[in-house]
Amino acid sequence: MKRTVIIGSNPKTNNYAFTAANRLQDHGHEFIPVGISEGEVLGKSILNINDRPEIEAVDTVTLYINPQRQIEWYDYILSLKPKRIIFNPGTENQELKKLAEGQGIICEEACTLVMLSVGNF
C-alpha cells in the first residue's frame, strides 16, 4: 500500500483528483486529500493546504494543480519528503521537478489513473 497525497483535491465527483482517490482506494492504496476546498472525498476530510498539514510516511504526491499554482507550495510539497511526485497531465513543472530530483525524489510525468489501470503505480 502506497500512502498517496492528492494535492488539488476537492469534493466534486466529476474531476480527476476525485477519480484518482476512488481508484487509489479500489487498488488498496491509502490516499490523503489536500486542497483549498472544504468537504470530503470518499469519507475523508480534505486537509487545507493553507495549513500545511504534516503528513508522515508519504510514498507519493500526485499533483492536480497547475504549475503556476504550485509555486507557492514548493516548500510544502518537498517537506512531505515523498519518494516520488507524479505530475499529471497539465501539471508538468520543470522547476519543481529539478528541486525535487535534487532532494532524491523520483519525478514522473504521467497519469495516476493510467498508471493504476495498467498496474505500474
N, C-alpha and C. Protein backbone atom coordinates (compact mmCIF):
# COMPACT_ATOMS: atom_id res chain seq x y z
N MET A 1 0.84 -1.18 0.00
CA MET A 1 0.00 0.00 0.00
C MET A 1 0.88 1.24 0.00
N LYS A 2 0.60 2.17 -0.92
CA LYS A 2 1.38 3.39 -1.04
C LYS A 2 0.56 4.58 -0.57
N ARG A 3 0.99 5.19 0.54
CA ARG A 3 0.30 6.38 1.05
C ARG A 3 0.51 7.51 0.04
N THR A 4 -0.59 8.01 -0.50
CA THR A 4 -0.55 8.99 -1.57
C THR A 4 -1.30 10.25 -1.18
N VAL A 5 -0.60 11.38 -1.27
CA VAL A 5 -1.20 12.68 -1.01
C VAL A 5 -1.68 13.23 -2.35
N ILE A 6 -2.96 13.55 -2.42
CA ILE A 6 -3.55 14.12 -3.63
C ILE A 6 -3.66 15.62 -3.43
N ILE A 7 -2.79 16.38 -4.08
CA ILE A 7 -2.82 17.83 -3.95
C ILE A 7 -3.68 18.40 -5.08
N GLY A 8 -4.71 19.12 -4.66
CA GLY A 8 -5.69 19.65 -5.60
C GLY A 8 -7.04 18.96 -5.42
N SER A 9 -7.19 18.27 -4.29
CA SER A 9 -8.45 17.56 -4.01
C SER A 9 -9.59 18.54 -3.79
N ASN A 10 -10.76 18.12 -4.21
CA ASN A 10 -11.99 18.83 -3.88
C ASN A 10 -13.14 17.82 -3.93
N PRO A 11 -14.28 18.19 -3.33
CA PRO A 11 -15.37 17.20 -3.21
C PRO A 11 -16.17 16.96 -4.48
N LYS A 12 -15.88 17.66 -5.56
CA LYS A 12 -16.63 17.47 -6.80
C LYS A 12 -16.30 16.10 -7.40
N THR A 13 -17.32 15.31 -7.61
CA THR A 13 -17.12 13.93 -8.08
C THR A 13 -16.76 13.84 -9.55
N ASN A 14 -16.85 14.94 -10.29
CA ASN A 14 -16.58 14.89 -11.73
C ASN A 14 -15.19 15.41 -12.10
N ASN A 15 -14.24 15.37 -11.16
CA ASN A 15 -12.89 15.82 -11.51
C ASN A 15 -11.88 14.69 -11.34
N TYR A 16 -10.72 14.89 -11.94
CA TYR A 16 -9.71 13.83 -11.95
C TYR A 16 -9.15 13.52 -10.57
N ALA A 17 -9.01 14.53 -9.71
CA ALA A 17 -8.49 14.27 -8.38
C ALA A 17 -9.42 13.34 -7.59
N PHE A 18 -10.72 13.55 -7.73
CA PHE A 18 -11.69 12.69 -7.06
C PHE A 18 -11.63 11.28 -7.64
N THR A 19 -11.56 11.20 -8.95
CA THR A 19 -11.46 9.89 -9.60
C THR A 19 -10.19 9.16 -9.16
N ALA A 20 -9.10 9.90 -9.03
CA ALA A 20 -7.84 9.29 -8.57
C ALA A 20 -8.01 8.73 -7.16
N ALA A 21 -8.66 9.47 -6.27
CA ALA A 21 -8.90 8.98 -4.92
C ALA A 21 -9.68 7.68 -4.94
N ASN A 22 -10.71 7.64 -5.77
CA ASN A 22 -11.55 6.46 -5.88
C ASN A 22 -10.73 5.26 -6.38
N ARG A 23 -9.93 5.48 -7.41
CA ARG A 23 -9.13 4.38 -7.97
C ARG A 23 -8.02 3.94 -7.02
N LEU A 24 -7.40 4.90 -6.33
CA LEU A 24 -6.38 4.54 -5.35
C LEU A 24 -6.99 3.64 -4.28
N GLN A 25 -8.15 4.04 -3.78
CA GLN A 25 -8.83 3.23 -2.76
C GLN A 25 -9.17 1.85 -3.31
N ASP A 26 -9.67 1.79 -4.54
CA ASP A 26 -10.01 0.50 -5.16
C ASP A 26 -8.79 -0.42 -5.27
N HIS A 27 -7.61 0.17 -5.43
CA HIS A 27 -6.38 -0.62 -5.57
C HIS A 27 -5.66 -0.83 -4.23
N GLY A 28 -6.30 -0.44 -3.13
CA GLY A 28 -5.76 -0.71 -1.80
C GLY A 28 -4.72 0.28 -1.32
N HIS A 29 -4.64 1.44 -1.94
CA HIS A 29 -3.68 2.47 -1.51
C HIS A 29 -4.39 3.49 -0.64
N GLU A 30 -3.72 3.92 0.42
CA GLU A 30 -4.26 4.97 1.25
C GLU A 30 -4.08 6.30 0.54
N PHE A 31 -5.11 7.13 0.52
CA PHE A 31 -4.99 8.46 -0.06
C PHE A 31 -5.32 9.50 1.00
N ILE A 32 -4.66 10.63 0.87
CA ILE A 32 -4.90 11.76 1.77
C ILE A 32 -5.22 12.96 0.90
N PRO A 33 -6.48 13.45 0.96
CA PRO A 33 -6.86 14.58 0.13
C PRO A 33 -6.40 15.91 0.73
N VAL A 34 -5.72 16.71 -0.08
CA VAL A 34 -5.24 18.02 0.35
C VAL A 34 -5.65 19.03 -0.71
N GLY A 35 -6.19 20.15 -0.29
CA GLY A 35 -6.61 21.17 -1.24
C GLY A 35 -7.06 22.43 -0.55
N ILE A 36 -7.68 23.32 -1.31
CA ILE A 36 -8.20 24.56 -0.73
C ILE A 36 -9.71 24.48 -0.51
N SER A 37 -10.34 23.48 -1.08
CA SER A 37 -11.79 23.32 -0.93
C SER A 37 -12.11 22.60 0.37
N GLU A 38 -13.21 23.00 0.98
CA GLU A 38 -13.69 22.28 2.15
C GLU A 38 -14.56 21.13 1.69
N GLY A 39 -14.64 20.12 2.51
CA GLY A 39 -15.50 19.00 2.19
C GLY A 39 -14.80 17.68 2.41
N GLU A 40 -15.38 16.65 1.80
CA GLU A 40 -14.86 15.30 1.95
C GLU A 40 -14.69 14.64 0.59
N VAL A 41 -13.77 13.70 0.57
CA VAL A 41 -13.57 12.84 -0.59
C VAL A 41 -13.66 11.41 -0.08
N LEU A 42 -14.70 10.71 -0.48
CA LEU A 42 -14.91 9.32 -0.08
C LEU A 42 -14.82 9.15 1.43
N GLY A 43 -15.44 10.08 2.17
CA GLY A 43 -15.48 9.99 3.62
C GLY A 43 -14.28 10.57 4.35
N LYS A 44 -13.29 11.05 3.63
CA LYS A 44 -12.11 11.65 4.26
C LYS A 44 -12.17 13.17 4.12
N SER A 45 -11.96 13.86 5.21
CA SER A 45 -11.96 15.32 5.17
C SER A 45 -10.76 15.82 4.37
N ILE A 46 -11.01 16.82 3.53
CA ILE A 46 -9.93 17.43 2.76
C ILE A 46 -9.12 18.30 3.71
N LEU A 47 -7.81 18.03 3.79
CA LEU A 47 -6.92 18.84 4.60
C LEU A 47 -6.61 20.12 3.85
N ASN A 48 -6.70 21.25 4.56
CA ASN A 48 -6.47 22.55 3.92
C ASN A 48 -4.98 22.78 3.70
N ILE A 49 -4.59 22.93 2.45
CA ILE A 49 -3.18 23.11 2.12
C ILE A 49 -2.62 24.39 2.74
N ASN A 50 -3.48 25.39 2.98
CA ASN A 50 -3.02 26.62 3.60
C ASN A 50 -2.51 26.39 5.01
N ASP A 51 -2.96 25.31 5.65
CA ASP A 51 -2.49 24.94 6.99
C ASP A 51 -1.19 24.14 6.94
N ARG A 52 -0.76 23.79 5.74
CA ARG A 52 0.45 22.98 5.54
C ARG A 52 0.46 21.77 6.51
N PRO A 53 -0.55 20.91 6.38
CA PRO A 53 -0.67 19.79 7.33
C PRO A 53 0.53 18.85 7.25
N GLU A 54 0.98 18.44 8.41
CA GLU A 54 2.07 17.47 8.47
C GLU A 54 1.51 16.09 8.17
N ILE A 55 2.16 15.40 7.26
CA ILE A 55 1.72 14.06 6.89
C ILE A 55 2.96 13.18 6.88
N GLU A 56 2.92 12.11 7.63
CA GLU A 56 4.06 11.22 7.77
C GLU A 56 4.04 10.10 6.73
N ALA A 57 5.20 9.55 6.47
CA ALA A 57 5.37 8.33 5.66
C ALA A 57 4.70 8.43 4.29
N VAL A 58 4.93 9.52 3.58
CA VAL A 58 4.34 9.72 2.26
C VAL A 58 5.16 8.98 1.21
N ASP A 59 4.51 8.12 0.47
CA ASP A 59 5.17 7.46 -0.65
C ASP A 59 5.10 8.35 -1.89
N THR A 60 3.90 8.82 -2.21
CA THR A 60 3.67 9.53 -3.46
C THR A 60 2.87 10.80 -3.24
N VAL A 61 3.26 11.85 -3.94
CA VAL A 61 2.43 13.05 -4.08
C VAL A 61 1.97 13.06 -5.53
N THR A 62 0.67 13.14 -5.74
CA THR A 62 0.15 13.25 -7.10
C THR A 62 -0.51 14.62 -7.22
N LEU A 63 -0.10 15.36 -8.24
CA LEU A 63 -0.49 16.76 -8.39
C LEU A 63 -1.66 16.94 -9.34
N TYR A 64 -2.62 17.75 -8.88
CA TYR A 64 -3.76 18.14 -9.70
C TYR A 64 -3.95 19.66 -9.62
N ILE A 65 -2.85 20.40 -9.53
CA ILE A 65 -2.90 21.86 -9.60
C ILE A 65 -1.88 22.29 -10.66
N ASN A 66 -2.21 23.36 -11.38
CA ASN A 66 -1.35 23.77 -12.49
C ASN A 66 -0.03 24.35 -11.99
N PRO A 67 0.97 24.39 -12.86
CA PRO A 67 2.31 24.82 -12.44
C PRO A 67 2.35 26.20 -11.78
N GLN A 68 1.54 27.14 -12.25
CA GLN A 68 1.54 28.47 -11.65
C GLN A 68 1.07 28.43 -10.20
N ARG A 69 0.11 27.58 -9.91
CA ARG A 69 -0.41 27.47 -8.53
C ARG A 69 0.52 26.66 -7.65
N GLN A 70 1.39 25.85 -8.24
CA GLN A 70 2.32 25.04 -7.47
C GLN A 70 3.40 25.88 -6.79
N ILE A 71 3.76 26.99 -7.39
CA ILE A 71 4.93 27.76 -6.94
C ILE A 71 4.89 28.05 -5.45
N GLU A 72 3.76 28.51 -4.94
CA GLU A 72 3.69 28.86 -3.52
C GLU A 72 3.75 27.63 -2.61
N TRP A 73 3.62 26.44 -3.18
CA TRP A 73 3.59 25.21 -2.39
C TRP A 73 4.85 24.37 -2.54
N TYR A 74 5.86 24.85 -3.27
CA TYR A 74 7.10 24.07 -3.45
C TYR A 74 7.64 23.57 -2.10
N ASP A 75 7.84 24.49 -1.16
CA ASP A 75 8.43 24.10 0.13
C ASP A 75 7.56 23.07 0.85
N TYR A 76 6.25 23.28 0.79
CA TYR A 76 5.37 22.33 1.46
C TYR A 76 5.43 20.95 0.81
N ILE A 77 5.34 20.91 -0.50
CA ILE A 77 5.37 19.63 -1.21
C ILE A 77 6.67 18.89 -0.89
N LEU A 78 7.78 19.59 -0.94
CA LEU A 78 9.06 18.95 -0.65
C LEU A 78 9.18 18.55 0.82
N SER A 79 8.54 19.29 1.72
CA SER A 79 8.60 18.97 3.15
C SER A 79 7.91 17.65 3.47
N LEU A 80 7.03 17.20 2.59
CA LEU A 80 6.37 15.91 2.80
C LEU A 80 7.32 14.73 2.61
N LYS A 81 8.48 15.01 2.01
CA LYS A 81 9.51 14.01 1.78
C LYS A 81 8.96 12.75 1.09
N PRO A 82 8.25 12.95 -0.03
CA PRO A 82 7.72 11.78 -0.74
C PRO A 82 8.85 11.04 -1.45
N LYS A 83 8.61 9.77 -1.73
CA LYS A 83 9.56 9.02 -2.55
C LYS A 83 9.45 9.46 -4.01
N ARG A 84 8.22 9.87 -4.41
CA ARG A 84 8.03 10.33 -5.79
C ARG A 84 6.91 11.35 -5.87
N ILE A 85 6.97 12.11 -6.97
CA ILE A 85 5.93 13.05 -7.31
C ILE A 85 5.44 12.70 -8.71
N ILE A 86 4.13 12.59 -8.85
CA ILE A 86 3.54 12.36 -10.17
C ILE A 86 2.97 13.68 -10.66
N PHE A 87 3.48 14.13 -11.81
CA PHE A 87 2.97 15.31 -12.47
C PHE A 87 1.94 14.85 -13.51
N ASN A 88 0.67 14.93 -13.15
CA ASN A 88 -0.39 14.53 -14.05
C ASN A 88 -0.47 15.49 -15.23
N PRO A 89 -1.11 15.10 -16.33
CA PRO A 89 -1.21 15.99 -17.49
C PRO A 89 -1.71 17.38 -17.11
N GLY A 90 -0.98 18.39 -17.55
CA GLY A 90 -1.31 19.77 -17.24
C GLY A 90 -0.63 20.31 -16.00
N THR A 91 0.06 19.44 -15.27
CA THR A 91 0.74 19.88 -14.05
C THR A 91 2.27 19.84 -14.19
N GLU A 92 2.75 19.48 -15.37
CA GLU A 92 4.19 19.35 -15.58
C GLU A 92 4.89 20.66 -15.23
N ASN A 93 6.02 20.54 -14.50
CA ASN A 93 6.70 21.71 -13.97
C ASN A 93 8.19 21.40 -13.83
N GLN A 94 8.99 21.88 -14.75
CA GLN A 94 10.42 21.58 -14.76
C GLN A 94 11.14 22.16 -13.54
N GLU A 95 10.69 23.31 -13.06
CA GLU A 95 11.34 23.92 -11.89
C GLU A 95 11.15 23.06 -10.64
N LEU A 96 9.90 22.65 -10.37
CA LEU A 96 9.65 21.79 -9.21
C LEU A 96 10.31 20.44 -9.40
N LYS A 97 10.29 19.92 -10.60
CA LYS A 97 10.94 18.64 -10.87
C LYS A 97 12.43 18.70 -10.53
N LYS A 98 13.08 19.76 -10.94
CA LYS A 98 14.52 19.92 -10.67
C LYS A 98 14.78 20.01 -9.16
N LEU A 99 13.96 20.78 -8.45
CA LEU A 99 14.11 20.90 -7.00
C LEU A 99 13.92 19.54 -6.32
N ALA A 100 12.90 18.82 -6.74
CA ALA A 100 12.60 17.51 -6.14
C ALA A 100 13.70 16.50 -6.42
N GLU A 101 14.14 16.44 -7.66
CA GLU A 101 15.20 15.49 -8.01
C GLU A 101 16.48 15.81 -7.26
N GLY A 102 16.71 17.09 -6.98
CA GLY A 102 17.87 17.49 -6.19
C GLY A 102 17.81 16.96 -4.76
N GLN A 103 16.63 16.59 -4.31
CA GLN A 103 16.45 16.00 -2.97
C GLN A 103 16.27 14.48 -3.05
N GLY A 104 16.52 13.91 -4.22
CA GLY A 104 16.42 12.46 -4.38
C GLY A 104 15.01 11.95 -4.58
N ILE A 105 14.07 12.83 -4.92
CA ILE A 105 12.69 12.43 -5.14
C ILE A 105 12.52 12.05 -6.61
N ILE A 106 11.93 10.90 -6.85
CA ILE A 106 11.65 10.46 -8.22
C ILE A 106 10.48 11.28 -8.75
N CYS A 107 10.61 11.77 -9.97
CA CYS A 107 9.54 12.55 -10.59
C CYS A 107 9.08 11.85 -11.86
N GLU A 108 7.77 11.75 -11.99
CA GLU A 108 7.20 11.12 -13.17
C GLU A 108 6.16 12.03 -13.79
N GLU A 109 6.31 12.29 -15.08
CA GLU A 109 5.27 12.99 -15.83
C GLU A 109 4.39 11.90 -16.41
N ALA A 110 3.28 11.66 -15.73
CA ALA A 110 2.43 10.52 -16.06
C ALA A 110 1.03 10.81 -15.55
N CYS A 111 0.14 9.88 -15.77
CA CYS A 111 -1.23 10.00 -15.31
C CYS A 111 -1.49 8.93 -14.25
N THR A 112 -1.82 9.36 -13.06
CA THR A 112 -2.09 8.43 -11.97
C THR A 112 -3.16 7.40 -12.37
N LEU A 113 -4.20 7.86 -13.06
CA LEU A 113 -5.29 6.95 -13.44
C LEU A 113 -4.80 5.87 -14.40
N VAL A 114 -3.99 6.26 -15.36
CA VAL A 114 -3.44 5.29 -16.32
C VAL A 114 -2.50 4.33 -15.60
N MET A 115 -1.62 4.88 -14.75
CA MET A 115 -0.69 4.03 -14.03
C MET A 115 -1.42 2.96 -13.22
N LEU A 116 -2.49 3.36 -12.56
CA LEU A 116 -3.27 2.39 -11.79
C LEU A 116 -3.94 1.36 -12.69
N SER A 117 -4.44 1.81 -13.84
CA SER A 117 -5.17 0.89 -14.70
C SER A 117 -4.27 -0.15 -15.36
N VAL A 118 -3.01 0.22 -15.60
CA VAL A 118 -2.10 -0.75 -16.23
C VAL A 118 -1.19 -1.46 -15.23
N GLY A 119 -1.34 -1.14 -13.94
CA GLY A 119 -0.62 -1.87 -12.92
C GLY A 119 0.80 -1.43 -12.67
N ASN A 120 1.17 -0.19 -13.03
CA ASN A 120 2.53 0.26 -12.75
C ASN A 120 2.57 1.45 -11.80
N PHE A 121 1.57 1.54 -10.92
CA PHE A 121 1.55 2.62 -9.95
C PHE A 121 2.59 2.33 -8.88
